[in-house]
Amino acid sequence: MILSTRGSLFHRMGRDYYVDWGGMLGTVCIITLIFIGLGAYVYMNIESRLSEASTLDTAKKPETVDEQKLGQIVEQFSARAAERAVILKGYGGFGDPSL
């Protein structure tokens, strides 16, 4: 088929639409297979990492919360909430007498 009475495949490209469509279809199939292979490779790597992560030792000593630091953080958030409420309320001073 490459060497036929009508010339080589390379010389028929651009003139014979069957050759053009065959080339495009072949290229798309090859690219699709490459992407499927890469996707399967990445998927397998992710799966192996997830299975390794699930087998790790998860037995840790329980951590305690420092109540003093927690109280400070709650106070900071309360102060920020009060500031936000004042800002949302708007300007609370005297109105403009010229209006």
PDB file of N, CA and C in Angstrom:
ATOM      1  N   MET A   1       0.826  -1.190   0.000  1.00  0.00           N
ATOM      2  CA  MET A   1       0.000   0.000   0.000  1.00  0.00           C
ATOM      3  C   MET A   1       0.869   1.251   0.000  1.00  0.00           C
ATOM      4  N   ILE A   2       2.041   1.169   0.652  1.00  0.00           N
ATOM      5  CA  ILE A   2       2.890   2.356   0.686  1.00  0.00           C
ATOM      6  C   ILE A   2       3.431   2.646  -0.714  1.00  0.00           C
ATOM      7  N   LEU A   3       3.865   1.621  -1.392  1.00  0.00           N
ATOM      8  CA  LEU A   3       4.321   1.806  -2.767  1.00  0.00           C
ATOM      9  C   LEU A   3       3.293   1.159  -3.698  1.00  0.00           C
ATOM     10  N   SER A   4       2.511   1.984  -4.318  1.00  0.00           N
ATOM     11  CA  SER A   4       1.498   1.466  -5.235  1.00  0.00           C
ATOM     12  C   SER A   4       1.661   2.158  -6.585  1.00  0.00           C
ATOM     13  N   THR A   5       0.747   1.906  -7.463  1.00  0.00           N
ATOM     14  CA  THR A   5       0.842   2.490  -8.803  1.00  0.00           C
ATOM     15  C   THR A   5       0.596   3.987  -8.775  1.00  0.00           C
ATOM     16  N   ARG A   6      -0.069   4.471  -7.727  1.00  0.00           N
ATOM     17  CA  ARG A   6      -0.368   5.910  -7.665  1.00  0.00           C
ATOM     18  C   ARG A   6       0.716   6.701  -6.961  1.00  0.00           C
ATOM     19  N   GLY A   7       1.760   6.081  -6.496  1.00  0.00           N
ATOM     20  CA  GLY A   7       2.856   6.785  -5.824  1.00  0.00           C
ATOM     21  C   GLY A   7       2.943   6.366  -4.374  1.00  0.00           C
ATOM     22  N   SER A   8       3.954   6.874  -3.688  1.00  0.00           N
ATOM     23  CA  SER A   8       4.149   6.503  -2.286  1.00  0.00           C
ATOM     24  C   SER A   8       3.119   7.198  -1.410  1.00  0.00           C
ATOM     25  N   LEU A   9       3.021   6.704  -0.200  1.00  0.00           N
ATOM     26  CA  LEU A   9       2.078   7.265   0.768  1.00  0.00           C
ATOM     27  C   LEU A   9       2.408   8.724   1.048  1.00  0.00           C
ATOM     28  N   PHE A  10       3.673   9.028   1.142  1.00  0.00           N
ATOM     29  CA  PHE A  10       4.080  10.405   1.422  1.00  0.00           C
ATOM     30  C   PHE A  10       3.658  11.346   0.300  1.00  0.00           C
ATOM     31  N   HIS A  11       3.755  10.897  -0.943  1.00  0.00           N
ATOM     32  CA  HIS A  11       3.379  11.757  -2.063  1.00  0.00           C
ATOM     33  C   HIS A  11       1.875  11.890  -2.211  1.00  0.00           C
ATOM     34  N   ARG A  12       1.124  10.925  -1.678  1.00  0.00           N
ATOM     35  CA  ARG A  12      -0.334  10.999  -1.787  1.00  0.00           C
ATOM     36  C   ARG A  12      -0.954  11.839  -0.684  1.00  0.00           C
ATOM     37  N   MET A  13      -0.181  12.164   0.369  1.00  0.00           N
ATOM     38  CA  MET A  13      -0.728  12.976   1.454  1.00  0.00           C
ATOM     39  C   MET A  13      -1.080  14.358   0.912  1.00  0.00           C
ATOM     40  N   GLY A  14      -2.268  14.826   1.264  1.00  0.00           N
ATOM     41  CA  GLY A  14      -2.740  16.110   0.789  1.00  0.00           C
ATOM     42  C   GLY A  14      -3.499  16.019  -0.517  1.00  0.00           C
ATOM     43  N   ARG A  15      -3.354  14.930  -1.223  1.00  0.00           N
ATOM     44  CA  ARG A  15      -4.067  14.746  -2.485  1.00  0.00           C
ATOM     45  C   ARG A  15      -5.164  13.691  -2.368  1.00  0.00           C
ATOM     46  N   ASP A  16      -4.921  12.693  -1.547  1.00  0.00           N
ATOM     47  CA  ASP A  16      -5.866  11.601  -1.382  1.00  0.00           C
ATOM     48  C   ASP A  16      -6.481  11.718   0.012  1.00  0.00           C
ATOM     49  N   TYR A  17      -7.780  11.998   0.073  1.00  0.00           N
ATOM     50  CA  TYR A  17      -8.412  12.236   1.366  1.00  0.00           C
ATOM     51  C   TYR A  17      -8.501  10.966   2.203  1.00  0.00           C
ATOM     52  N   TYR A  18      -8.457   9.785   1.619  1.00  0.00           N
ATOM     53  CA  TYR A  18      -8.426   8.553   2.398  1.00  0.00           C
ATOM     54  C   TYR A  18      -7.118   8.445   3.188  1.00  0.00           C
ATOM     55  N   VAL A  19      -6.038   8.834   2.558  1.00  0.00           N
ATOM     56  CA  VAL A  19      -4.740   8.815   3.244  1.00  0.00           C
ATOM     57  C   VAL A  19      -4.727   9.856   4.353  1.00  0.00           C
ATOM     58  N   ASP A  20      -5.292  11.036   4.077  1.00  0.00           N
ATOM     59  CA  ASP A  20      -5.328  12.098   5.089  1.00  0.00           C
ATOM     60  C   ASP A  20      -6.163  11.678   6.299  1.00  0.00           C
ATOM     61  N   TRP A  21      -7.350  11.157   6.043  1.00  0.00           N
ATOM     62  CA  TRP A  21      -8.208  10.729   7.137  1.00  0.00           C
ATOM     63  C   TRP A  21      -7.582   9.562   7.904  1.00  0.00           C
ATOM     64  N   GLY A  22      -6.967   8.659   7.204  1.00  0.00           N
ATOM     65  CA  GLY A  22      -6.291   7.541   7.870  1.00  0.00           C
ATOM     66  C   GLY A  22      -5.160   8.018   8.758  1.00  0.00           C
ATOM     67  N   GLY A  23      -4.402   8.995   8.276  1.00  0.00           N
ATOM     68  CA  GLY A  23      -3.307   9.544   9.075  1.00  0.00           C
ATOM     69  C   GLY A  23      -3.817  10.259  10.314  1.00  0.00           C
ATOM     70  N   MET A  24      -4.879  11.052  10.135  1.00  0.00           N
ATOM     71  CA  MET A  24      -5.437  11.763  11.292  1.00  0.00           C
ATOM     72  C   MET A  24      -6.029  10.794  12.307  1.00  0.00           C
ATOM     73  N   LEU A  25      -6.750   9.804  11.821  1.00  0.00           N
ATOM     74  CA  LEU A  25      -7.355   8.833  12.723  1.00  0.00           C
ATOM     75  C   LEU A  25      -6.283   8.026  13.458  1.00  0.00           C
ATOM     76  N   GLY A  26      -5.246   7.636  12.755  1.00  0.00           N
ATOM     77  CA  GLY A  26      -4.149   6.907  13.393  1.00  0.00           C
ATOM     78  C   GLY A  26      -3.449   7.747  14.452  1.00  0.00           C
ATOM     79  N   THR A  27      -3.220   9.024  14.140  1.00  0.00           N
ATOM     80  CA  THR A  27      -2.569   9.927  15.094  1.00  0.00           C
ATOM     81  C   THR A  27      -3.427  10.110  16.336  1.00  0.00           C
ATOM     82  N   VAL A  28      -4.713  10.315  16.143  1.00  0.00           N
ATOM     83  CA  VAL A  28      -5.610  10.497  17.283  1.00  0.00           C
ATOM     84  C   VAL A  28      -5.656   9.231  18.135  1.00  0.00           C
ATOM     85  N   CYS A  29      -5.685   8.078  17.504  1.00  0.00           N
ATOM     86  CA  CYS A  29      -5.702   6.815  18.256  1.00  0.00           C
ATOM     87  C   CYS A  29      -4.423   6.643  19.068  1.00  0.00           C
ATOM     88  N   ILE A  30      -3.292   6.957  18.478  1.00  0.00           N
ATOM     89  CA  ILE A  30      -2.014   6.827  19.189  1.00  0.00           C
ATOM     90  C   ILE A  30      -1.957   7.796  20.369  1.00  0.00           C
ATOM     91  N   ILE A  31      -2.382   9.049  20.152  1.00  0.00           N
ATOM     92  CA  ILE A  31      -2.374  10.040  21.234  1.00  0.00           C
ATOM     93  C   ILE A  31      -3.338   9.620  22.337  1.00  0.00           C
ATOM     94  N   THR A  32      -4.505   9.091  21.956  1.00  0.00           N
ATOM     95  CA  THR A  32      -5.474   8.629  22.952  1.00  0.00           C
ATOM     96  C   THR A  32      -4.898   7.488  23.778  1.00  0.00           C
ATOM     97  N   LEU A  33      -4.232   6.541  23.139  1.00  0.00           N
ATOM     98  CA  LEU A  33      -3.630   5.442  23.877  1.00  0.00           C
ATOM     99  C   LEU A  33      -2.530   5.930  24.817  1.00  0.00           C
ATOM    100  N   ILE A  34      -1.778   6.921  24.390  1.00  0.00           N
ATOM    101  CA  ILE A  34      -0.739   7.492  25.257  1.00  0.00           C
ATOM    102  C   ILE A  34      -1.374   8.128  26.492  1.00  0.00           C
ATOM    103  N   PHE A  35      -2.435   8.909  26.291  1.00  0.00           N
ATOM    104  CA  PHE A  35      -3.103   9.547  27.427  1.00  0.00           C
ATOM    105  C   PHE A  35      -3.746   8.520  28.361  1.00  0.00           C
ATOM    106  N   ILE A  36      -4.327   7.472  27.809  1.00  0.00           N
ATOM    107  CA  ILE A  36      -4.908   6.423  28.644  1.00  0.00           C
ATOM    108  C   ILE A  36      -3.813   5.736  29.449  1.00  0.00           C
ATOM    109  N   GLY A  37      -2.679   5.470  28.831  1.00  0.00           N
ATOM    110  CA  GLY A  37      -1.559   4.863  29.542  1.00  0.00           C
ATOM    111  C   GLY A  37      -1.029   5.752  30.651  1.00  0.00           C
ATOM    112  N   LEU A  38      -0.873   7.044  30.363  1.00  0.00           N
ATOM    113  CA  LEU A  38      -0.403   7.969  31.395  1.00  0.00           C
ATOM    114  C   LEU A  38      -1.406   8.083  32.534  1.00  0.00           C
ATOM    115  N   GLY A  39      -2.693   8.118  32.205  1.00  0.00           N
ATOM    116  CA  GLY A  39      -3.722   8.189  33.238  1.00  0.00           C
ATOM    117  C   GLY A  39      -3.712   6.961  34.121  1.00  0.00           C
ATOM    118  N   ALA A  40      -3.550   5.784  33.512  1.00  0.00           N
ATOM    119  CA  ALA A  40      -3.490   4.545  34.293  1.00  0.00           C
ATOM    120  C   ALA A  40      -2.250   4.533  35.181  1.00  0.00           C
ATOM    121  N   TYR A  41      -1.124   5.028  34.667  1.00  0.00           N
ATOM    122  CA  TYR A  41       0.116   5.081  35.443  1.00  0.00           C
ATOM    123  C   TYR A  41      -0.050   5.992  36.665  1.00  0.00           C
ATOM    124  N   VAL A  42      -0.622   7.181  36.455  1.00  0.00           N
ATOM    125  CA  VAL A  42      -0.828   8.113  37.563  1.00  0.00           C
ATOM    126  C   VAL A  42      -1.820   7.519  38.570  1.00  0.00           C
ATOM    127  N   TYR A  43      -2.875   6.899  38.069  1.00  0.00           N
ATOM    128  CA  TYR A  43      -3.872   6.296  38.952  1.00  0.00           C
ATOM    129  C   TYR A  43      -3.245   5.205  39.815  1.00  0.00           C
ATOM    130  N   MET A  44      -2.432   4.382  39.220  1.00  0.00           N
ATOM    131  CA  MET A  44      -1.794   3.304  39.985  1.00  0.00           C
ATOM    132  C   MET A  44      -0.851   3.872  41.048  1.00  0.00           C
ATOM    133  N   ASN A  45      -0.128   4.941  40.721  1.00  0.00           N
ATOM    134  CA  ASN A  45       0.761   5.557  41.710  1.00  0.00           C
ATOM    135  C   ASN A  45      -0.037   6.143  42.868  1.00  0.00           C
ATOM    136  N   ILE A  46      -1.151   6.791  42.564  1.00  0.00           N
ATOM    137  CA  ILE A  46      -1.980   7.372  43.621  1.00  0.00           C
ATOM    138  C   ILE A  46      -2.564   6.265  44.485  1.00  0.00           C
ATOM    139  N   GLU A  47      -3.037   5.209  43.867  1.00  0.00           N
ATOM    140  CA  GLU A  47      -3.594   4.098  44.625  1.00  0.00           C
ATOM    141  C   GLU A  47      -2.553   3.468  45.541  1.00  0.00           C
ATOM    142  N   SER A  48      -1.331   3.305  45.053  1.00  0.00           N
ATOM    143  CA  SER A  48      -0.296   2.701  45.894  1.00  0.00           C
ATOM    144  C   SER A  48       0.067   3.619  47.053  1.00  0.00           C
ATOM    145  N   ARG A  49       0.072   4.917  46.819  1.00  0.00           N
ATOM    146  CA  ARG A  49       0.375   5.850  47.915  1.00  0.00           C
ATOM    147  C   ARG A  49      -0.744   5.865  48.943  1.00  0.00           C
ATOM    148  N   LEU A  50      -1.995   5.772  48.481  1.00  0.00           N
ATOM    149  CA  LEU A  50      -3.101   5.751  49.430  1.00  0.00           C
ATOM    150  C   LEU A  50      -3.103   4.486  50.259  1.00  0.00           C
ATOM    151  N   SER A  51      -2.756   3.361  49.649  1.00  0.00           N
ATOM    152  CA  SER A  51      -2.715   2.121  50.421  1.00  0.00           C
ATOM    153  C   SER A  51      -1.559   2.139  51.419  1.00  0.00           C
ATOM    154  N   GLU A  52      -0.438   2.783  51.060  1.00  0.00           N
ATOM    155  CA  GLU A  52       0.667   2.924  52.005  1.00  0.00           C
ATOM    156  C   GLU A  52       0.273   3.823  53.165  1.00  0.00           C
ATOM    157  N   ALA A  53      -0.479   4.889  52.874  1.00  0.00           N
ATOM    158  CA  ALA A  53      -0.877   5.819  53.933  1.00  0.00           C
ATOM    159  C   ALA A  53      -1.858   5.170  54.892  1.00  0.00           C
ATOM    160  N   SER A  54      -2.688   4.274  54.404  1.00  0.00           N
ATOM    161  CA  SER A  54      -3.666   3.643  55.291  1.00  0.00           C
ATOM    162  C   SER A  54      -3.026   2.602  56.197  1.00  0.00           C
ATOM    163  N   THR A  55      -1.847   2.134  55.848  1.00  0.00           N
ATOM    164  CA  THR A  55      -1.188   1.132  56.678  1.00  0.00           C
ATOM    165  C   THR A  55      -0.253   1.739  57.716  1.00  0.00           C
ATOM    166  N   LEU A  56      -0.121   3.050  57.731  1.00  0.00           N
ATOM    167  CA  LEU A  56       0.750   3.695  58.718  1.00  0.00           C
ATOM    168  C   LEU A  56       0.166   3.553  60.116  1.00  0.00           C
ATOM    169  N   ASP A  57       1.032   3.629  61.091  1.00  0.00           N
ATOM    170  CA  ASP A  57       0.606   3.510  62.484  1.00  0.00           C
ATOM    171  C   ASP A  57      -0.094   4.802  62.887  1.00  0.00           C
ATOM    172  N   THR A  58      -1.346   4.701  63.209  1.00  0.00           N
ATOM    173  CA  THR A  58      -2.117   5.888  63.585  1.00  0.00           C
ATOM    174  C   THR A  58      -2.293   6.016  65.085  1.00  0.00           C
ATOM    175  N   ALA A  59      -1.670   5.151  65.836  1.00  0.00           N
ATOM    176  CA  ALA A  59      -1.799   5.202  67.288  1.00  0.00           C
ATOM    177  C   ALA A  59      -0.848   6.260  67.834  1.00  0.00           C
ATOM    178  N   LYS A  60      -1.403   7.400  68.152  1.00  0.00           N
ATOM    179  CA  LYS A  60      -0.614   8.484  68.733  1.00  0.00           C
ATOM    180  C   LYS A  60      -1.141   8.748  70.137  1.00  0.00           C
ATOM    181  N   LYS A  61      -0.300   9.361  70.933  1.00  0.00           N
ATOM    182  CA  LYS A  61      -0.775   9.704  72.266  1.00  0.00           C
ATOM    183  C   LYS A  61      -1.761  10.865  72.137  1.00  0.00           C
ATOM    184  N   PRO A  62      -2.777  10.860  72.930  1.00  0.00           N
ATOM    185  CA  PRO A  62      -3.777  11.931  72.830  1.00  0.00           C
ATOM    186  C   PRO A  62      -3.177  13.264  73.250  1.00  0.00           C
ATOM    187  N   GLU A  63      -3.511  14.289  72.498  1.00  0.00           N
ATOM    188  CA  GLU A  63      -2.993  15.615  72.803  1.00  0.00           C
ATOM    189  C   GLU A  63      -3.984  16.351  73.687  1.00  0.00           C
ATOM    190  N   THR A  64      -3.456  17.138  74.602  1.00  0.00           N
ATOM    191  CA  THR A  64      -4.310  17.927  75.476  1.00  0.00           C
ATOM    192  C   THR A  64      -4.332  19.359  74.984  1.00  0.00           C
ATOM    193  N   VAL A  65      -5.410  20.046  75.285  1.00  0.00           N
ATOM    194  CA  VAL A  65      -5.573  21.425  74.872  1.00  0.00           C
ATOM    195  C   VAL A  65      -5.200  22.317  76.035  1.00  0.00           C
ATOM    196  N   ASP A  66      -4.367  23.305  75.760  1.00  0.00           N
ATOM    197  CA  ASP A  66      -3.994  24.273  76.782  1.00  0.00           C
ATOM    198  C   ASP A  66      -5.162  25.247  76.940  1.00  0.00           C
ATOM    199  N   GLU A  67      -5.846  25.147  78.062  1.00  0.00           N
ATOM    200  CA  GLU A  67      -7.066  25.941  78.251  1.00  0.00           C
ATOM    201  C   GLU A  67      -6.758  27.429  78.359  1.00  0.00           C
ATOM    202  N   GLN A  68      -5.594  27.795  78.862  1.00  0.00           N
ATOM    203  CA  GLN A  68      -5.244  29.208  78.980  1.00  0.00           C
ATOM    204  C   GLN A  68      -5.088  29.828  77.591  1.00  0.00           C
ATOM    205  N   LYS A  69      -4.374  29.135  76.691  1.00  0.00           N
ATOM    206  CA  LYS A  69      -4.211  29.643  75.326  1.00  0.00           C
ATOM    207  C   LYS A  69      -5.540  29.651  74.587  1.00  0.00           C
ATOM    208  N   LEU A  70      -6.356  28.633  74.829  1.00  0.00           N
ATOM    209  CA  LEU A  70      -7.667  28.584  74.198  1.00  0.00           C
ATOM    210  C   LEU A  70      -8.527  29.759  74.657  1.00  0.00           C
ATOM    211  N   GLY A  71      -8.443  30.084  75.940  1.00  0.00           N
ATOM    212  CA  GLY A  71      -9.189  31.239  76.463  1.00  0.00           C
ATOM    213  C   GLY A  71      -8.722  32.541  75.829  1.00  0.00           C
ATOM    214  N   GLN A  72      -7.403  32.693  75.626  1.00  0.00           N
ATOM    215  CA  GLN A  72      -6.869  33.896  74.986  1.00  0.00           C
ATOM    216  C   GLN A  72      -7.381  34.011  73.545  1.00  0.00           C
ATOM    217  N   ILE A  73      -7.405  32.901  72.856  1.00  0.00           N
ATOM    218  CA  ILE A  73      -7.871  32.914  71.463  1.00  0.00           C
ATOM    219  C   ILE A  73      -9.348  33.276  71.414  1.00  0.00           C
ATOM    220  N   VAL A  74     -10.137  32.740  72.334  1.00  0.00           N
ATOM    221  CA  VAL A  74     -11.569  33.065  72.370  1.00  0.00           C
ATOM    222  C   VAL A  74     -11.764  34.542  72.658  1.00  0.00           C
ATOM    223  N   GLU A  75     -10.964  35.105  73.559  1.00  0.00           N
ATOM    224  CA  GLU A  75     -11.053  36.540  73.853  1.00  0.00           C
ATOM    225  C   GLU A  75     -10.704  37.383  72.629  1.00  0.00           C
ATOM    226  N   GLN A  76      -9.649  36.983  71.894  1.00  0.00           N
ATOM    227  CA  GLN A  76      -9.272  37.717  70.682  1.00  0.00           C
ATOM    228  C   GLN A  76     -10.405  37.692  69.657  1.00  0.00           C
ATOM    229  N   PHE A  77     -11.006  36.535  69.477  1.00  0.00           N
ATOM    230  CA  PHE A  77     -12.107  36.435  68.516  1.00  0.00           C
ATOM    231  C   PHE A  77     -13.324  37.230  68.981  1.00  0.00           C
ATOM    232  N   SER A  78     -13.562  37.270  70.268  1.00  0.00           N
ATOM    233  CA  SER A  78     -14.680  38.065  70.787  1.00  0.00           C
ATOM    234  C   SER A  78     -14.441  39.550  70.545  1.00  0.00           C
ATOM    235  N   ALA A  79     -13.199  39.997  70.764  1.00  0.00           N
ATOM    236  CA  ALA A  79     -12.865  41.402  70.517  1.00  0.00           C
ATOM    237  C   ALA A  79     -13.016  41.734  69.036  1.00  0.00           C
ATOM    238  N   ARG A  80     -12.577  40.843  68.180  1.00  0.00           N
ATOM    239  CA  ARG A  80     -12.721  41.075  66.740  1.00  0.00           C
ATOM    240  C   ARG A  80     -14.189  41.090  66.329  1.00  0.00           C
ATOM    241  N   ALA A  81     -14.985  40.238  66.949  1.00  0.00           N
ATOM    242  CA  ALA A  81     -16.414  40.222  66.637  1.00  0.00           C
ATOM    243  C   ALA A  81     -17.077  41.521  67.075  1.00  0.00           C
ATOM    244  N   ALA A  82     -16.665  42.057  68.227  1.00  0.00           N
ATOM    245  CA  ALA A  82     -17.227  43.324  68.695  1.00  0.00           C
ATOM    246  C   ALA A  82     -16.829  44.460  67.755  1.00  0.00           C
ATOM    247  N   GLU A  83     -15.576  44.482  67.300  1.00  0.00           N
ATOM    248  CA  GLU A  83     -15.131  45.509  66.347  1.00  0.00           C
ATOM    249  C   GLU A  83     -15.916  45.415  65.043  1.00  0.00           C
ATOM    250  N   ARG A  84     -16.145  44.206  64.594  1.00  0.00           N
ATOM    251  CA  ARG A  84     -16.889  44.008  63.344  1.00  0.00           C
ATOM    252  C   ARG A  84     -18.336  44.489  63.494  1.00  0.00           C
ATOM    253  N   ALA A  85     -18.917  44.245  64.659  1.00  0.00           N
ATOM    254  CA  ALA A  85     -20.292  44.695  64.888  1.00  0.00           C
ATOM    255  C   ALA A  85     -20.372  46.217  64.858  1.00  0.00           C
ATOM    256  N   VAL A  86     -19.358  46.877  65.433  1.00  0.00           N
ATOM    257  CA  VAL A  86     -19.335  48.341  65.410  1.00  0.00           C
ATOM    258  C   VAL A  86     -19.182  48.843  63.973  1.00  0.00           C
ATOM    259  N   ILE A  87     -18.320  48.200  63.195  1.00  0.00           N
ATOM    260  CA  ILE A  87     -18.108  48.611  61.807  1.00  0.00           C
ATOM    261  C   ILE A  87     -19.374  48.400  60.992  1.00  0.00           C
ATOM    262  N   LEU A  88     -20.034  47.272  61.200  1.00  0.00           N
ATOM    263  CA  LEU A  88     -21.268  47.002  60.455  1.00  0.00           C
ATOM    264  C   LEU A  88     -22.393  47.949  60.837  1.00  0.00           C
ATOM    265  N   LYS A  89     -22.374  48.431  62.067  1.00  0.00           N
ATOM    266  CA  LYS A  89     -23.405  49.366  62.515  1.00  0.00           C
ATOM    267  C   LYS A  89     -23.289  50.689  61.775  1.00  0.00           C
ATOM    268  N   GLY A  90     -22.081  51.051  61.425  1.00  0.00           N
ATOM    269  CA  GLY A  90     -21.861  52.282  60.687  1.00  0.00           C
ATOM    270  C   GLY A  90     -21.403  53.402  61.592  1.00  0.00           C
ATOM    271  N   TYR A  91     -21.390  54.600  61.036  1.00  0.00           N
ATOM    272  CA  TYR A  91     -20.912  55.776  61.767  1.00  0.00           C
ATOM    273  C   TYR A  91     -21.932  56.149  62.830  1.00  0.00           C
ATOM    274  N   GLY A  92     -21.468  56.283  64.061  1.00  0.00           N
ATOM    275  CA  GLY A  92     -22.378  56.560  65.172  1.00  0.00           C
ATOM    276  C   GLY A  92     -22.230  57.968  65.712  1.00  0.00           C
ATOM    277  N   GLY A  93     -21.509  58.834  65.034  1.00  0.00           N
ATOM    278  CA  GLY A  93     -21.299  60.186  65.525  1.00  0.00           C
ATOM    279  C   GLY A  93     -22.459  61.102  65.125  1.00  0.00           C
ATOM    280  N   PHE A  94     -22.226  62.391  65.305  1.00  0.00           N
ATOM    281  CA  PHE A  94     -23.241  63.384  64.978  1.00  0.00           C
ATOM    282  C   PHE A  94     -23.435  63.465  63.466  1.00  0.00           C
ATOM    283  N   GLY A  95     -24.637  63.738  63.079  1.00  0.00           N
ATOM    284  CA  GLY A  95     -24.942  63.867  61.671  1.00  0.00           C
ATOM    285  C   GLY A  95     -24.485  65.213  61.128  1.00  0.00           C
ATOM    286  N   ASP A  96     -24.387  65.340  59.842  1.00  0.00           N
ATOM    287  CA  ASP A  96     -23.983  66.582  59.211  1.00  0.00           C
ATOM    288  C   ASP A  96     -25.162  67.553  59.244  1.00  0.00           C
ATOM    289  N   PRO A  97     -25.001  68.730  59.897  1.00  0.00           N
ATOM    290  CA  PRO A  97     -26.134  69.664  60.031  1.00  0.00           C
ATOM    291  C   PRO A  97     -26.500  70.342  58.711  1.00  0.00           C
ATOM    292  N   SER A  98     -25.620  70.327  57.747  1.00  0.00           N
ATOM    293  CA  SER A  98     -25.923  71.004  56.483  1.00  0.00           C
ATOM    294  C   SER A  98     -26.870  70.191  55.605  1.00  0.00           C
ATOM    295  N   LEU A  99     -27.119  68.945  55.967  1.00  0.00           N
ATOM    296  CA  LEU A  99     -28.013  68.128  55.143  1.00  0.00           C
ATOM    297  C   LEU A  99     -29.417  68.328  55.507  1.00  0.00           C
TER     298      LEU A  99
END
